[in-house]
């Protein structure tokens, strides 16, 4: 029982980190595209 609980918490933590990591990567790409468009407008 304790092992399954630990496994569930461990997996959920990995998923949480993966989701937050993807979000930060998406934000980085969004800022990069916005800066690229502003450079083109100039």
PDB file of N, CA and C in Angstrom:
ATOM      1  N   UNK A   1       0.835  -1.204   0.000  1.00  0.00           N
ATOM      2  CA  UNK A   1       0.000   0.000   0.000  1.00  0.00           C
ATOM      3  C   UNK A   1       0.872   1.257   0.000  1.00  0.00           C
ATOM      4  N   UNK A   2       1.842   1.289   0.882  1.00  0.00           N
ATOM      5  CA  UNK A   2       2.712   2.462   0.957  1.00  0.00           C
ATOM      6  C   UNK A   2       3.510   2.621  -0.335  1.00  0.00           C
ATOM      7  N   UNK A   3       3.924   1.511  -0.921  1.00  0.00           N
ATOM      8  CA  UNK A   3       4.708   1.579  -2.163  1.00  0.00           C
ATOM      9  C   UNK A   3       3.874   2.158  -3.300  1.00  0.00           C
ATOM     10  N   UNK A   4       2.608   1.742  -3.397  1.00  0.00           N
ATOM     11  CA  UNK A   4       1.750   2.267  -4.464  1.00  0.00           C
ATOM     12  C   UNK A   4       1.493   3.757  -4.250  1.00  0.00           C
ATOM     13  N   UNK A   5       1.294   4.170  -3.011  1.00  0.00           N
ATOM     14  CA  UNK A   5       1.088   5.594  -2.717  1.00  0.00           C
ATOM     15  C   UNK A   5       2.313   6.407  -3.132  1.00  0.00           C
ATOM     16  N   UNK A   6       3.488   5.912  -2.788  1.00  0.00           N
ATOM     17  CA  UNK A   6       4.726   6.609  -3.152  1.00  0.00           C
ATOM     18  C   UNK A   6       4.869   6.684  -4.665  1.00  0.00           C
ATOM     19  N   UNK A   7       4.517   5.593  -5.356  1.00  0.00           N
ATOM     20  CA  UNK A   7       4.626   5.570  -6.818  1.00  0.00           C
ATOM     21  C   UNK A   7       3.675   6.590  -7.433  1.00  0.00           C
ATOM     22  N   UNK A   8       2.459   6.676  -6.915  1.00  0.00           N
ATOM     23  CA  UNK A   8       1.470   7.627  -7.449  1.00  0.00           C
ATOM     24  C   UNK A   8       1.957   9.060  -7.243  1.00  0.00           C
ATOM     25  N   UNK A   9       2.461   9.360  -6.059  1.00  0.00           N
ATOM     26  CA  UNK A   9       2.963  10.711  -5.778  1.00  0.00           C
ATOM     27  C   UNK A   9       4.150  11.024  -6.678  1.00  0.00           C
ATOM     28  N   UNK A  10       5.037  10.044  -6.857  1.00  0.00           N
ATOM     29  CA  UNK A  10       6.230  10.245  -7.688  1.00  0.00           C
ATOM     30  C   UNK A  10       5.840  10.525  -9.132  1.00  0.00           C
ATOM     31  N   UNK A  11       4.901   9.742  -9.662  1.00  0.00           N
ATOM     32  CA  UNK A  11       4.475   9.915 -11.061  1.00  0.00           C
ATOM     33  C   UNK A  11       3.772  11.262 -11.238  1.00  0.00           C
ATOM     34  N   UNK A  12       2.907  11.613 -10.288  1.00  0.00           N
ATOM     35  CA  UNK A  12       2.192  12.887 -10.390  1.00  0.00           C
ATOM     36  C   UNK A  12       3.170  14.060 -10.336  1.00  0.00           C
ATOM     37  N   UNK A  13       4.226  13.930  -9.539  1.00  0.00           N
ATOM     38  CA  UNK A  13       5.237  14.985  -9.466  1.00  0.00           C
ATOM     39  C   UNK A  13       5.951  15.124 -10.802  1.00  0.00           C
ATOM     40  N   UNK A  14       6.271  13.998 -11.433  1.00  0.00           N
ATOM     41  CA  UNK A  14       6.952  14.040 -12.737  1.00  0.00           C
ATOM     42  C   UNK A  14       6.042  14.701 -13.768  1.00  0.00           C
ATOM     43  N   UNK A  15       4.760  14.329 -13.753  1.00  0.00           N
ATOM     44  CA  UNK A  15       3.804  14.914 -14.706  1.00  0.00           C
ATOM     45  C   UNK A  15       3.679  16.415 -14.466  1.00  0.00           C
ATOM     46  N   UNK A  16       3.634  16.828 -13.203  1.00  0.00           N
ATOM     47  CA  UNK A  16       3.504  18.246 -12.868  1.00  0.00           C
ATOM     48  C   UNK A  16       4.708  19.030 -13.384  1.00  0.00           C
ATOM     49  N   UNK A  17       5.905  18.489 -13.169  1.00  0.00           N
ATOM     50  CA  UNK A  17       7.125  19.152 -13.642  1.00  0.00           C
ATOM     51  C   UNK A  17       7.123  19.215 -15.166  1.00  0.00           C
ATOM     52  N   UNK A  18       6.678  18.139 -15.803  1.00  0.00           N
ATOM     53  CA  UNK A  18       6.642  18.118 -17.272  1.00  0.00           C
ATOM     54  C   UNK A  18       5.662  19.166 -17.798  1.00  0.00           C
ATOM     55  N   UNK A  19       4.522  19.305 -17.161  1.00  0.00           N
ATOM     56  CA  UNK A  19       3.533  20.282 -17.603  1.00  0.00           C
ATOM     57  C   UNK A  19       4.060  21.706 -17.423  1.00  0.00           C
ATOM     58  N   UNK A  20       4.629  22.007 -16.278  1.00  0.00           N
ATOM     59  CA  UNK A  20       5.159  23.353 -16.037  1.00  0.00           C
ATOM     60  C   UNK A  20       6.313  23.638 -16.992  1.00  0.00           C
ATOM     61  N   UNK A  21       7.126  22.639 -17.267  1.00  0.00           N
ATOM     62  CA  UNK A  21       8.245  22.812 -18.201  1.00  0.00           C
ATOM     63  C   UNK A  21       7.739  23.125 -19.592  1.00  0.00           C
ATOM     64  N   UNK A  22       6.688  22.441 -20.022  1.00  0.00           N
ATOM     65  CA  UNK A  22       6.129  22.698 -21.349  1.00  0.00           C
ATOM     66  C   UNK A  22       5.555  24.103 -21.410  1.00  0.00           C
ATOM     67  N   UNK A  23       4.889  24.526 -20.337  1.00  0.00           N
ATOM     68  CA  UNK A  23       4.310  25.867 -20.323  1.00  0.00           C
ATOM     69  C   UNK A  23       5.392  26.933 -20.464  1.00  0.00           C
ATOM     70  N   UNK A  24       6.481  26.792 -19.732  1.00  0.00           N
ATOM     71  CA  UNK A  24       7.561  27.773 -19.797  1.00  0.00           C
ATOM     72  C   UNK A  24       8.175  27.774 -21.196  1.00  0.00           C
ATOM     73  N   UNK A  25       8.301  26.589 -21.814  1.00  0.00           N
ATOM     74  CA  UNK A  25       8.853  26.519 -23.169  1.00  0.00           C
ATOM     75  C   UNK A  25       7.922  27.228 -24.147  1.00  0.00           C
ATOM     76  N   UNK A  26       6.605  27.036 -23.993  1.00  0.00           N
ATOM     77  CA  UNK A  26       5.650  27.700 -24.870  1.00  0.00           C
ATOM     78  C   UNK A  26       5.759  29.216 -24.712  1.00  0.00           C
ATOM     79  N   UNK A  27       5.886  29.695 -23.490  1.00  0.00           N
ATOM     80  CA  UNK A  27       6.018  31.133 -23.257  1.00  0.00           C
ATOM     81  C   UNK A  27       7.276  31.669 -23.928  1.00  0.00           C
ATOM     82  N   UNK A  28       8.371  30.904 -23.855  1.00  0.00           N
ATOM     83  CA  UNK A  28       9.621  31.342 -24.478  1.00  0.00           C
ATOM     84  C   UNK A  28       9.444  31.464 -25.989  1.00  0.00           C
ATOM     85  N   UNK A  29       8.796  30.475 -26.611  1.00  0.00           N
ATOM     86  CA  UNK A  29       8.607  30.515 -28.060  1.00  0.00           C
ATOM     87  C   UNK A  29       7.684  31.676 -28.429  1.00  0.00           C
ATOM     88  N   UNK A  30       6.661  31.939 -27.598  1.00  0.00           N
ATOM     89  CA  UNK A  30       5.748  33.045 -27.870  1.00  0.00           C
ATOM     90  C   UNK A  30       6.509  34.373 -27.856  1.00  0.00           C
ATOM     91  N   UNK A  31       7.360  34.581 -26.866  1.00  0.00           N
ATOM     92  CA  UNK A  31       8.115  35.830 -26.784  1.00  0.00           C
ATOM     93  C   UNK A  31       9.076  35.932 -27.962  1.00  0.00           C
ATOM     94  N   UNK A  32       9.660  34.812 -28.356  1.00  0.00           N
ATOM     95  CA  UNK A  32      10.597  34.829 -29.476  1.00  0.00           C
ATOM     96  C   UNK A  32       9.871  35.223 -30.761  1.00  0.00           C
ATOM     97  N   UNK A  33       8.689  34.669 -31.004  1.00  0.00           N
ATOM     98  CA  UNK A  33       7.950  34.992 -32.219  1.00  0.00           C
ATOM     99  C   UNK A  33       7.516  36.454 -32.192  1.00  0.00           C
ATOM    100  N   UNK A  34       7.098  36.966 -31.028  1.00  0.00           N
ATOM    101  CA  UNK A  34       6.650  38.349 -30.932  1.00  0.00           C
ATOM    102  C   UNK A  34       7.828  39.291 -31.205  1.00  0.00           C
ATOM    103  N   UNK A  35       9.004  38.984 -30.692  1.00  0.00           N
ATOM    104  CA  UNK A  35      10.169  39.835 -30.939  1.00  0.00           C
ATOM    105  C   UNK A  35      10.544  39.769 -32.412  1.00  0.00           C
ATOM    106  N   UNK A  36      10.400  38.591 -33.017  1.00  0.00           N
ATOM    107  CA  UNK A  36      10.720  38.456 -34.437  1.00  0.00           C
ATOM    108  C   UNK A  36       9.764  39.302 -35.272  1.00  0.00           C
ATOM    109  N   UNK A  37       8.480  39.298 -34.948  1.00  0.00           N
ATOM    110  CA  UNK A  37       7.510  40.078 -35.713  1.00  0.00           C
ATOM    111  C   UNK A  37       7.785  41.570 -35.539  1.00  0.00           C
ATOM    112  N   UNK A  38       8.143  42.011 -34.340  1.00  0.00           N
ATOM    113  CA  UNK A  38       8.436  43.428 -34.124  1.00  0.00           C
ATOM    114  C   UNK A  38       9.688  43.819 -34.903  1.00  0.00           C
ATOM    115  N   UNK A  39      10.666  42.923 -34.968  1.00  0.00           N
ATOM    116  CA  UNK A  39      11.874  43.223 -35.734  1.00  0.00           C
ATOM    117  C   UNK A  39      11.523  43.389 -37.208  1.00  0.00           C
ATOM    118  N   UNK A  40      10.633  42.548 -37.716  1.00  0.00           N
ATOM    119  CA  UNK A  40      10.242  42.631 -39.126  1.00  0.00           C
ATOM    120  C   UNK A  40       9.493  43.939 -39.381  1.00  0.00           C
ATOM    121  N   UNK A  41       8.625  44.334 -38.443  1.00  0.00           N
ATOM    122  CA  UNK A  41       7.867  45.576 -38.607  1.00  0.00           C
ATOM    123  C   UNK A  41       8.809  46.771 -38.678  1.00  0.00           C
ATOM    124  N   UNK A  42       9.852  46.760 -37.890  1.00  0.00           N
ATOM    125  CA  UNK A  42      10.815  47.865 -37.910  1.00  0.00           C
ATOM    126  C   UNK A  42      11.467  47.931 -39.286  1.00  0.00           C
TER     127      UNK A  42
END
